[in-house]
Amino acid sequence: MQAVFDPAGVVAAQSKRFPLFHAKDGVKDTTQANGYVMAPFGEGDIDYATFLRRVGAKGSHNPMWEQDTAPGGTANPGQSLAFAQVSYDNMAALRG
């Protein structure tokens, strides 16, 4: 299968147009309707190190992590905050 969409290429071609963007991560799971299960940033299958290196304009792009399906609830009320900490740490490590 040939990849037809290159998000890093789109951002690189218009490097100042996208100062902020959502950064979501996931683990491929073909048993799911959308083909993946969301994961904390840096714990999924998306190679953000390569993506951020390719978009250029270092310091001009700021990803904002969001996990639509952050777990926790009454069973583990701190889990979503723990995932936020993991995601922040992984994002900060990419800043170089």
PDB file of N, CA and C in Angstrom:
ATOM      1  N   MET A   1       0.829  -1.168   0.000  1.00  0.00           N
ATOM      2  CA  MET A   1       0.000   0.000   0.000  1.00  0.00           C
ATOM      3  C   MET A   1       0.885   1.248   0.000  1.00  0.00           C
ATOM      4  N   GLN A   2       0.585   2.190  -0.856  1.00  0.00           N
ATOM      5  CA  GLN A   2       1.367   3.409  -0.977  1.00  0.00           C
ATOM      6  C   GLN A   2       0.772   4.502  -0.090  1.00  0.00           C
ATOM      7  N   ALA A   3       1.605   5.167   0.691  1.00  0.00           N
ATOM      8  CA  ALA A   3       1.148   6.286   1.517  1.00  0.00           C
ATOM      9  C   ALA A   3       0.867   7.480   0.607  1.00  0.00           C
ATOM     10  N   VAL A   4      -0.290   8.086   0.755  1.00  0.00           N
ATOM     11  CA  VAL A   4      -0.660   9.208  -0.105  1.00  0.00           C
ATOM     12  C   VAL A   4      -0.689  10.540   0.640  1.00  0.00           C
ATOM     13  N   PHE A   5      -0.575  10.509   1.953  1.00  0.00           N
ATOM     14  CA  PHE A   5      -0.623  11.737   2.737  1.00  0.00           C
ATOM     15  C   PHE A   5       0.619  11.816   3.607  1.00  0.00           C
ATOM     16  N   ASP A   6       1.305  12.925   3.548  1.00  0.00           N
ATOM     17  CA  ASP A   6       2.534  13.129   4.311  1.00  0.00           C
ATOM     18  C   ASP A   6       2.353  14.362   5.203  1.00  0.00           C
ATOM     19  N   PRO A   7       1.854  14.172   6.442  1.00  0.00           N
ATOM     20  CA  PRO A   7       1.611  15.334   7.303  1.00  0.00           C
ATOM     21  C   PRO A   7       2.839  16.207   7.525  1.00  0.00           C
ATOM     22  N   ALA A   8       4.009  15.604   7.723  1.00  0.00           N
ATOM     23  CA  ALA A   8       5.223  16.399   7.937  1.00  0.00           C
ATOM     24  C   ALA A   8       5.546  17.217   6.699  1.00  0.00           C
ATOM     25  N   GLY A   9       5.307  16.683   5.530  1.00  0.00           N
ATOM     26  CA  GLY A   9       5.543  17.419   4.291  1.00  0.00           C
ATOM     27  C   GLY A   9       4.633  18.630   4.170  1.00  0.00           C
ATOM     28  N   VAL A  10       3.369  18.481   4.581  1.00  0.00           N
ATOM     29  CA  VAL A  10       2.420  19.594   4.540  1.00  0.00           C
ATOM     30  C   VAL A  10       2.882  20.714   5.466  1.00  0.00           C
ATOM     31  N   VAL A  11       3.276  20.363   6.688  1.00  0.00           N
ATOM     32  CA  VAL A  11       3.726  21.373   7.649  1.00  0.00           C
ATOM     33  C   VAL A  11       5.029  22.021   7.181  1.00  0.00           C
ATOM     34  N   ALA A  12       5.956  21.223   6.683  1.00  0.00           N
ATOM     35  CA  ALA A  12       7.246  21.761   6.236  1.00  0.00           C
ATOM     36  C   ALA A  12       7.070  22.743   5.084  1.00  0.00           C
ATOM     37  N   ALA A  13       6.119  22.469   4.197  1.00  0.00           N
ATOM     38  CA  ALA A  13       5.893  23.347   3.044  1.00  0.00           C
ATOM     39  C   ALA A  13       5.319  24.696   3.464  1.00  0.00           C
ATOM     40  N   GLN A  14       4.689  24.745   4.625  1.00  0.00           N
ATOM     41  CA  GLN A  14       4.088  25.984   5.129  1.00  0.00           C
ATOM     42  C   GLN A  14       4.491  26.141   6.595  1.00  0.00           C
ATOM     43  N   SER A  15       5.783  26.214   6.834  1.00  0.00           N
ATOM     44  CA  SER A  15       6.336  26.038   8.176  1.00  0.00           C
ATOM     45  C   SER A  15       5.818  27.024   9.221  1.00  0.00           C
ATOM     46  N   LYS A  16       5.406  28.192   8.851  1.00  0.00           N
ATOM     47  CA  LYS A  16       4.937  29.170   9.841  1.00  0.00           C
ATOM     48  C   LYS A  16       3.417  29.123  10.036  1.00  0.00           C
ATOM     49  N   ARG A  17       2.724  28.334   9.239  1.00  0.00           N
ATOM     50  CA  ARG A  17       1.271  28.317   9.286  1.00  0.00           C
ATOM     51  C   ARG A  17       0.715  27.478  10.437  1.00  0.00           C
ATOM     52  N   PHE A  18       1.465  26.540  10.955  1.00  0.00           N
ATOM     53  CA  PHE A  18       0.957  25.605  11.954  1.00  0.00           C
ATOM     54  C   PHE A  18       1.752  25.702  13.260  1.00  0.00           C
ATOM     55  N   PRO A  19       1.595  26.784  14.013  1.00  0.00           N
ATOM     56  CA  PRO A  19       2.365  26.898  15.248  1.00  0.00           C
ATOM     57  C   PRO A  19       1.881  25.940  16.342  1.00  0.00           C
ATOM     58  N   LEU A  20       0.615  25.570  16.310  1.00  0.00           N
ATOM     59  CA  LEU A  20       0.039  24.655  17.297  1.00  0.00           C
ATOM     60  C   LEU A  20      -0.671  23.517  16.577  1.00  0.00           C
ATOM     61  N   PHE A  21      -0.582  22.330  17.142  1.00  0.00           N
ATOM     62  CA  PHE A  21      -1.356  21.211  16.600  1.00  0.00           C
ATOM     63  C   PHE A  21      -1.532  20.139  17.658  1.00  0.00           C
ATOM     64  N   HIS A  22      -2.629  19.402  17.520  1.00  0.00           N
ATOM     65  CA  HIS A  22      -2.867  18.278  18.423  1.00  0.00           C
ATOM     66  C   HIS A  22      -1.897  17.164  18.103  1.00  0.00           C
ATOM     67  N   ALA A  23      -1.369  16.572  19.132  1.00  0.00           N
ATOM     68  CA  ALA A  23      -0.468  15.434  18.974  1.00  0.00           C
ATOM     69  C   ALA A  23      -1.069  14.267  19.746  1.00  0.00           C
ATOM     70  N   LYS A  24      -1.608  13.328  19.027  1.00  0.00           N
ATOM     71  CA  LYS A  24      -2.196  12.140  19.634  1.00  0.00           C
ATOM     72  C   LYS A  24      -1.340  10.950  19.251  1.00  0.00           C
ATOM     73  N   ASP A  25      -1.345   9.941  20.078  1.00  0.00           N
ATOM     74  CA  ASP A  25      -0.561   8.743  19.794  1.00  0.00           C
ATOM     75  C   ASP A  25      -1.468   7.535  19.937  1.00  0.00           C
ATOM     76  N   GLY A  26      -1.090   6.460  19.314  1.00  0.00           N
ATOM     77  CA  GLY A  26      -1.888   5.249  19.391  1.00  0.00           C
ATOM     78  C   GLY A  26      -1.082   4.023  19.026  1.00  0.00           C
ATOM     79  N   VAL A  27      -1.618   2.897  19.415  1.00  0.00           N
ATOM     80  CA  VAL A  27      -1.023   1.605  19.112  1.00  0.00           C
ATOM     81  C   VAL A  27      -1.940   0.913  18.108  1.00  0.00           C
ATOM     82  N   LYS A  28      -1.364   0.448  17.024  1.00  0.00           N
ATOM     83  CA  LYS A  28      -2.147  -0.216  15.981  1.00  0.00           C
ATOM     84  C   LYS A  28      -2.845  -1.444  16.558  1.00  0.00           C
ATOM     85  N   ASP A  29      -4.137  -1.542  16.286  1.00  0.00           N
ATOM     86  CA  ASP A  29      -4.938  -2.666  16.749  1.00  0.00           C
ATOM     87  C   ASP A  29      -6.055  -2.896  15.737  1.00  0.00           C
ATOM     88  N   THR A  30      -5.875  -3.852  14.875  1.00  0.00           N
ATOM     89  CA  THR A  30      -6.829  -4.090  13.785  1.00  0.00           C
ATOM     90  C   THR A  30      -8.169  -4.632  14.274  1.00  0.00           C
ATOM     91  N   THR A  31      -8.267  -4.990  15.551  1.00  0.00           N
ATOM     92  CA  THR A  31      -9.559  -5.443  16.078  1.00  0.00           C
ATOM     93  C   THR A  31     -10.474  -4.265  16.397  1.00  0.00           C
ATOM     94  N   GLN A  32      -9.929  -3.059  16.416  1.00  0.00           N
ATOM     95  CA  GLN A  32     -10.714  -1.858  16.712  1.00  0.00           C
ATOM     96  C   GLN A  32     -11.273  -1.268  15.420  1.00  0.00           C
ATOM     97  N   ALA A  33     -12.429  -0.643  15.513  1.00  0.00           N
ATOM     98  CA  ALA A  33     -13.091  -0.075  14.334  1.00  0.00           C
ATOM     99  C   ALA A  33     -12.217   0.944  13.612  1.00  0.00           C
ATOM    100  N   ASN A  34     -11.482   1.770  14.350  1.00  0.00           N
ATOM    101  CA  ASN A  34     -10.643   2.783  13.698  1.00  0.00           C
ATOM    102  C   ASN A  34      -9.193   2.321  13.522  1.00  0.00           C
ATOM    103  N   GLY A  35      -8.876   1.087  13.910  1.00  0.00           N
ATOM    104  CA  GLY A  35      -7.561   0.517  13.640  1.00  0.00           C
ATOM    105  C   GLY A  35      -6.478   0.784  14.665  1.00  0.00           C
ATOM    106  N   TYR A  36      -6.816   1.471  15.767  1.00  0.00           N
ATOM    107  CA  TYR A  36      -5.803   1.757  16.778  1.00  0.00           C
ATOM    108  C   TYR A  36      -6.460   1.965  18.137  1.00  0.00           C
ATOM    109  N   VAL A  37      -5.640   1.926  19.170  1.00  0.00           N
ATOM    110  CA  VAL A  37      -6.051   2.255  20.531  1.00  0.00           C
ATOM    111  C   VAL A  37      -5.189   3.432  20.971  1.00  0.00           C
ATOM    112  N   MET A  38      -5.822   4.478  21.463  1.00  0.00           N
ATOM    113  CA  MET A  38      -5.064   5.659  21.883  1.00  0.00           C
ATOM    114  C   MET A  38      -4.129   5.319  23.034  1.00  0.00           C
ATOM    115  N   ALA A  39      -2.990   6.022  23.066  1.00  0.00           N
ATOM    116  CA  ALA A  39      -1.957   5.785  24.081  1.00  0.00           C
ATOM    117  C   ALA A  39      -1.354   7.128  24.491  1.00  0.00           C
ATOM    118  N   PRO A  40      -0.719   7.177  25.652  1.00  0.00           N
ATOM    119  CA  PRO A  40      -0.005   8.400  26.019  1.00  0.00           C
ATOM    120  C   PRO A  40       1.043   8.745  24.950  1.00  0.00           C
ATOM    121  N   PHE A  41       1.314  10.030  24.795  1.00  0.00           N
ATOM    122  CA  PHE A  41       2.289  10.492  23.803  1.00  0.00           C
ATOM    123  C   PHE A  41       3.628   9.800  24.040  1.00  0.00           C
ATOM    124  N   GLY A  42       4.186   9.266  22.959  1.00  0.00           N
ATOM    125  CA  GLY A  42       5.485   8.618  23.031  1.00  0.00           C
ATOM    126  C   GLY A  42       5.423   7.136  23.345  1.00  0.00           C
ATOM    127  N   GLU A  43       4.226   6.630  23.645  1.00  0.00           N
ATOM    128  CA  GLU A  43       4.083   5.208  23.937  1.00  0.00           C
ATOM    129  C   GLU A  43       3.339   4.476  22.837  1.00  0.00           C
ATOM    130  N   GLY A  44       3.035   5.183  21.765  1.00  0.00           N
ATOM    131  CA  GLY A  44       2.333   4.579  20.644  1.00  0.00           C
ATOM    132  C   GLY A  44       3.262   4.304  19.475  1.00  0.00           C
ATOM    133  N   ASP A  45       2.674   4.124  18.323  1.00  0.00           N
ATOM    134  CA  ASP A  45       3.418   3.744  17.126  1.00  0.00           C
ATOM    135  C   ASP A  45       3.848   4.913  16.251  1.00  0.00           C
ATOM    136  N   ILE A  46       3.435   6.118  16.568  1.00  0.00           N
ATOM    137  CA  ILE A  46       3.767   7.273  15.723  1.00  0.00           C
ATOM    138  C   ILE A  46       5.179   7.757  16.044  1.00  0.00           C
ATOM    139  N   ASP A  47       5.965   7.951  15.018  1.00  0.00           N
ATOM    140  CA  ASP A  47       7.353   8.387  15.165  1.00  0.00           C
ATOM    141  C   ASP A  47       7.403   9.914  15.181  1.00  0.00           C
ATOM    142  N   TYR A  48       7.115  10.497  16.335  1.00  0.00           N
ATOM    143  CA  TYR A  48       7.097  11.954  16.443  1.00  0.00           C
ATOM    144  C   TYR A  48       8.478  12.567  16.350  1.00  0.00           C
ATOM    145  N   ALA A  49       9.511  11.861  16.725  1.00  0.00           N
ATOM    146  CA  ALA A  49      10.871  12.411  16.611  1.00  0.00           C
ATOM    147  C   ALA A  49      11.172  12.736  15.155  1.00  0.00           C
ATOM    148  N   THR A  50      10.852  11.819  14.268  1.00  0.00           N
ATOM    149  CA  THR A  50      11.070  12.051  12.836  1.00  0.00           C
ATOM    150  C   THR A  50      10.141  13.135  12.320  1.00  0.00           C
ATOM    151  N   PHE A  51       8.884  13.100  12.723  1.00  0.00           N
ATOM    152  CA  PHE A  51       7.919  14.105  12.278  1.00  0.00           C
ATOM    153  C   PHE A  51       8.405  15.501  12.643  1.00  0.00           C
ATOM    154  N   LEU A  52       8.750  15.719  13.905  1.00  0.00           N
ATOM    155  CA  LEU A  52       9.170  17.051  14.344  1.00  0.00           C
ATOM    156  C   LEU A  52      10.481  17.479  13.702  1.00  0.00           C
ATOM    157  N   ARG A  53      11.363  16.546  13.441  1.00  0.00           N
ATOM    158  CA  ARG A  53      12.617  16.868  12.753  1.00  0.00           C
ATOM    159  C   ARG A  53      12.331  17.303  11.322  1.00  0.00           C
ATOM    160  N   ARG A  54      11.369  16.675  10.672  1.00  0.00           N
ATOM    161  CA  ARG A  54      11.064  16.979   9.266  1.00  0.00           C
ATOM    162  C   ARG A  54      10.299  18.274   9.071  1.00  0.00           C
ATOM    163  N   VAL A  55       9.499  18.703  10.052  1.00  0.00           N
ATOM    164  CA  VAL A  55       8.679  19.891   9.825  1.00  0.00           C
ATOM    165  C   VAL A  55       9.485  21.173   9.801  1.00  0.00           C
ATOM    166  N   GLY A  56      10.698  21.158  10.327  1.00  0.00           N
ATOM    167  CA  GLY A  56      11.565  22.337  10.254  1.00  0.00           C
ATOM    168  C   GLY A  56      11.124  23.435  11.198  1.00  0.00           C
ATOM    169  N   ALA A  57      11.699  24.611  11.013  1.00  0.00           N
ATOM    170  CA  ALA A  57      11.402  25.801  11.821  1.00  0.00           C
ATOM    171  C   ALA A  57      11.401  25.463  13.304  1.00  0.00           C
ATOM    172  N   LYS A  58      12.509  24.928  13.772  1.00  0.00           N
ATOM    173  CA  LYS A  58      12.634  24.499  15.176  1.00  0.00           C
ATOM    174  C   LYS A  58      12.180  25.606  16.121  1.00  0.00           C
ATOM    175  N   GLY A  59      11.358  25.245  17.066  1.00  0.00           N
ATOM    176  CA  GLY A  59      10.827  26.202  18.026  1.00  0.00           C
ATOM    177  C   GLY A  59       9.554  26.886  17.565  1.00  0.00           C
ATOM    178  N   SER A  60       9.127  26.648  16.321  1.00  0.00           N
ATOM    179  CA  SER A  60       7.927  27.300  15.794  1.00  0.00           C
ATOM    180  C   SER A  60       6.697  26.398  15.826  1.00  0.00           C
ATOM    181  N   HIS A  61       6.872  25.132  16.166  1.00  0.00           N
ATOM    182  CA  HIS A  61       5.752  24.191  16.186  1.00  0.00           C
ATOM    183  C   HIS A  61       5.608  23.631  17.599  1.00  0.00           C
ATOM    184  N   ASN A  62       4.413  23.722  18.118  1.00  0.00           N
ATOM    185  CA  ASN A  62       4.159  23.327  19.498  1.00  0.00           C
ATOM    186  C   ASN A  62       3.014  22.327  19.555  1.00  0.00           C
ATOM    187  N   PRO A  63       3.345  21.064  19.716  1.00  0.00           N
ATOM    188  CA  PRO A  63       2.288  20.066  19.810  1.00  0.00           C
ATOM    189  C   PRO A  63       1.577  20.150  21.154  1.00  0.00           C
ATOM    190  N   MET A  64       0.294  19.919  21.143  1.00  0.00           N
ATOM    191  CA  MET A  64      -0.516  19.865  22.362  1.00  0.00           C
ATOM    192  C   MET A  64      -1.080  18.454  22.453  1.00  0.00           C
ATOM    193  N   TRP A  65      -0.732  17.752  23.491  1.00  0.00           N
ATOM    194  CA  TRP A  65      -1.182  16.376  23.650  1.00  0.00           C
ATOM    195  C   TRP A  65      -2.639  16.334  24.061  1.00  0.00           C
ATOM    196  N   GLU A  66      -3.350  15.366  23.512  1.00  0.00           N
ATOM    197  CA  GLU A  66      -4.731  15.126  23.892  1.00  0.00           C
ATOM    198  C   GLU A  66      -4.998  13.637  23.730  1.00  0.00           C
ATOM    199  N   GLN A  67      -5.599  13.042  24.724  1.00  0.00           N
ATOM    200  CA  GLN A  67      -5.979  11.632  24.627  1.00  0.00           C
ATOM    201  C   GLN A  67      -7.477  11.558  24.873  1.00  0.00           C
ATOM    202  N   ASP A  68      -8.239  11.398  23.811  1.00  0.00           N
ATOM    203  CA  ASP A  68      -9.697  11.408  23.897  1.00  0.00           C
ATOM    204  C   ASP A  68     -10.238  10.350  24.843  1.00  0.00           C
ATOM    205  N   THR A  69      -9.524   9.249  24.953  1.00  0.00           N
ATOM    206  CA  THR A  69     -10.019   8.123  25.739  1.00  0.00           C
ATOM    207  C   THR A  69      -9.204   7.927  27.014  1.00  0.00           C
ATOM    208  N   ALA A  70      -8.762   9.016  27.616  1.00  0.00           N
ATOM    209  CA  ALA A  70      -7.938   8.902  28.821  1.00  0.00           C
ATOM    210  C   ALA A  70      -8.684   8.096  29.881  1.00  0.00           C
ATOM    211  N   PRO A  71      -8.068   7.036  30.341  1.00  0.00           N
ATOM    212  CA  PRO A  71      -8.740   6.160  31.297  1.00  0.00           C
ATOM    213  C   PRO A  71      -8.671   6.702  32.719  1.00  0.00           C
ATOM    214  N   GLY A  72      -9.298   6.014  33.598  1.00  0.00           N
ATOM    215  CA  GLY A  72      -9.255   6.394  35.004  1.00  0.00           C
ATOM    216  C   GLY A  72     -10.611   6.200  35.642  1.00  0.00           C
ATOM    217  N   GLY A  73     -11.391   7.266  35.623  1.00  0.00           N
ATOM    218  CA  GLY A  73     -12.706   7.201  36.252  1.00  0.00           C
ATOM    219  C   GLY A  73     -12.596   6.915  37.739  1.00  0.00           C
ATOM    220  N   THR A  74     -13.671   6.410  38.320  1.00  0.00           N
ATOM    221  CA  THR A  74     -13.680   6.147  39.759  1.00  0.00           C
ATOM    222  C   THR A  74     -12.769   4.989  40.135  1.00  0.00           C
ATOM    223  N   ALA A  75     -12.489   4.083  39.206  1.00  0.00           N
ATOM    224  CA  ALA A  75     -11.619   2.944  39.499  1.00  0.00           C
ATOM    225  C   ALA A  75     -10.169   3.373  39.719  1.00  0.00           C
ATOM    226  N   ASN A  76      -9.732   4.421  38.998  1.00  0.00           N
ATOM    227  CA  ASN A  76      -8.350   4.896  39.115  1.00  0.00           C
ATOM    228  C   ASN A  76      -8.342   6.386  38.770  1.00  0.00           C
ATOM    229  N   PRO A  77      -8.838   7.234  39.676  1.00  0.00           N
ATOM    230  CA  PRO A  77      -9.026   8.649  39.345  1.00  0.00           C
ATOM    231  C   PRO A  77      -7.762   9.405  38.950  1.00  0.00           C
ATOM    232  N   GLY A  78      -6.596   8.953  39.346  1.00  0.00           N
ATOM    233  CA  GLY A  78      -5.358   9.654  38.997  1.00  0.00           C
ATOM    234  C   GLY A  78      -4.717   9.190  37.707  1.00  0.00           C
ATOM    235  N   GLN A  79      -5.292   8.184  37.061  1.00  0.00           N
ATOM    236  CA  GLN A  79      -4.639   7.611  35.883  1.00  0.00           C
ATOM    237  C   GLN A  79      -4.529   8.595  34.731  1.00  0.00           C
ATOM    238  N   SER A  80      -5.558   9.374  34.487  1.00  0.00           N
ATOM    239  CA  SER A  80      -5.473  10.325  33.374  1.00  0.00           C
ATOM    240  C   SER A  80      -4.388  11.369  33.635  1.00  0.00           C
ATOM    241  N   LEU A  81      -4.222  11.800  34.889  1.00  0.00           N
ATOM    242  CA  LEU A  81      -3.144  12.745  35.209  1.00  0.00           C
ATOM    243  C   LEU A  81      -1.778  12.083  35.094  1.00  0.00           C
ATOM    244  N   ALA A  82      -1.688  10.813  35.456  1.00  0.00           N
ATOM    245  CA  ALA A  82      -0.424  10.086  35.297  1.00  0.00           C
ATOM    246  C   ALA A  82      -0.065   9.982  33.816  1.00  0.00           C
ATOM    247  N   PHE A  83      -1.055   9.733  32.956  1.00  0.00           N
ATOM    248  CA  PHE A  83      -0.809   9.671  31.516  1.00  0.00           C
ATOM    249  C   PHE A  83      -0.393  11.042  30.991  1.00  0.00           C
ATOM    250  N   ALA A  84      -0.979  12.100  31.547  1.00  0.00           N
ATOM    251  CA  ALA A  84      -0.586  13.456  31.149  1.00  0.00           C
ATOM    252  C   ALA A  84       0.876  13.704  31.494  1.00  0.00           C
ATOM    253  N   GLN A  85       1.322  13.242  32.652  1.00  0.00           N
ATOM    254  CA  GLN A  85       2.724  13.411  33.048  1.00  0.00           C
ATOM    255  C   GLN A  85       3.651  12.639  32.123  1.00  0.00           C
ATOM    256  N   VAL A  86       3.301  11.394  31.801  1.00  0.00           N
ATOM    257  CA  VAL A  86       4.099  10.583  30.874  1.00  0.00           C
ATOM    258  C   VAL A  86       4.186  11.295  29.523  1.00  0.00           C
ATOM    259  N   SER A  87       3.055  11.784  29.053  1.00  0.00           N
ATOM    260  CA  SER A  87       3.023  12.461  27.750  1.00  0.00           C
ATOM    261  C   SER A  87       3.854  13.730  27.761  1.00  0.00           C
ATOM    262  N   TYR A  88       3.752  14.525  28.823  1.00  0.00           N
ATOM    263  CA  TYR A  88       4.561  15.735  28.929  1.00  0.00           C
ATOM    264  C   TYR A  88       6.056  15.381  28.916  1.00  0.00           C
ATOM    265  N   ASP A  89       6.413  14.392  29.725  1.00  0.00           N
ATOM    266  CA  ASP A  89       7.823  14.010  29.790  1.00  0.00           C
ATOM    267  C   ASP A  89       8.336  13.583  28.419  1.00  0.00           C
ATOM    268  N   ASN A  90       7.541  12.800  27.687  1.00  0.00           N
ATOM    269  CA  ASN A  90       7.961  12.339  26.358  1.00  0.00           C
ATOM    270  C   ASN A  90       8.028  13.488  25.355  1.00  0.00           C
ATOM    271  N   MET A  91       7.091  14.434  25.450  1.00  0.00           N
ATOM    272  CA  MET A  91       7.137  15.600  24.555  1.00  0.00           C
ATOM    273  C   MET A  91       8.362  16.461  24.870  1.00  0.00           C
ATOM    274  N   ALA A  92       8.602  16.701  26.155  1.00  0.00           N
ATOM    275  CA  ALA A  92       9.736  17.537  26.557  1.00  0.00           C
ATOM    276  C   ALA A  92      11.056  16.914  26.113  1.00  0.00           C
ATOM    277  N   ALA A  93      11.141  15.613  26.130  1.00  0.00           N
ATOM    278  CA  ALA A  93      12.372  14.935  25.718  1.00  0.00           C
ATOM    279  C   ALA A  93      12.664  15.151  24.228  1.00  0.00           C
ATOM    280  N   LEU A  94      11.647  15.427  23.439  1.00  0.00           N
ATOM    281  CA  LEU A  94      11.840  15.653  21.999  1.00  0.00           C
ATOM    282  C   LEU A  94      12.296  17.077  21.674  1.00  0.00           C
ATOM    283  N   ARG A  95      12.213  17.964  22.609  1.00  0.00           N
ATOM    284  CA  ARG A  95      12.558  19.363  22.318  1.00  0.00           C
ATOM    285  C   ARG A  95      14.033  19.572  22.067  1.00  0.00           C
ATOM    286  N   GLY A  96      14.861  18.672  22.554  1.00  0.00           N
ATOM    287  CA  GLY A  96      16.285  18.738  22.270  1.00  0.00           C
ATOM    288  C   GLY A  96      16.935  19.864  22.886  1.00  0.00           C
TER     289      GLY A  96
END
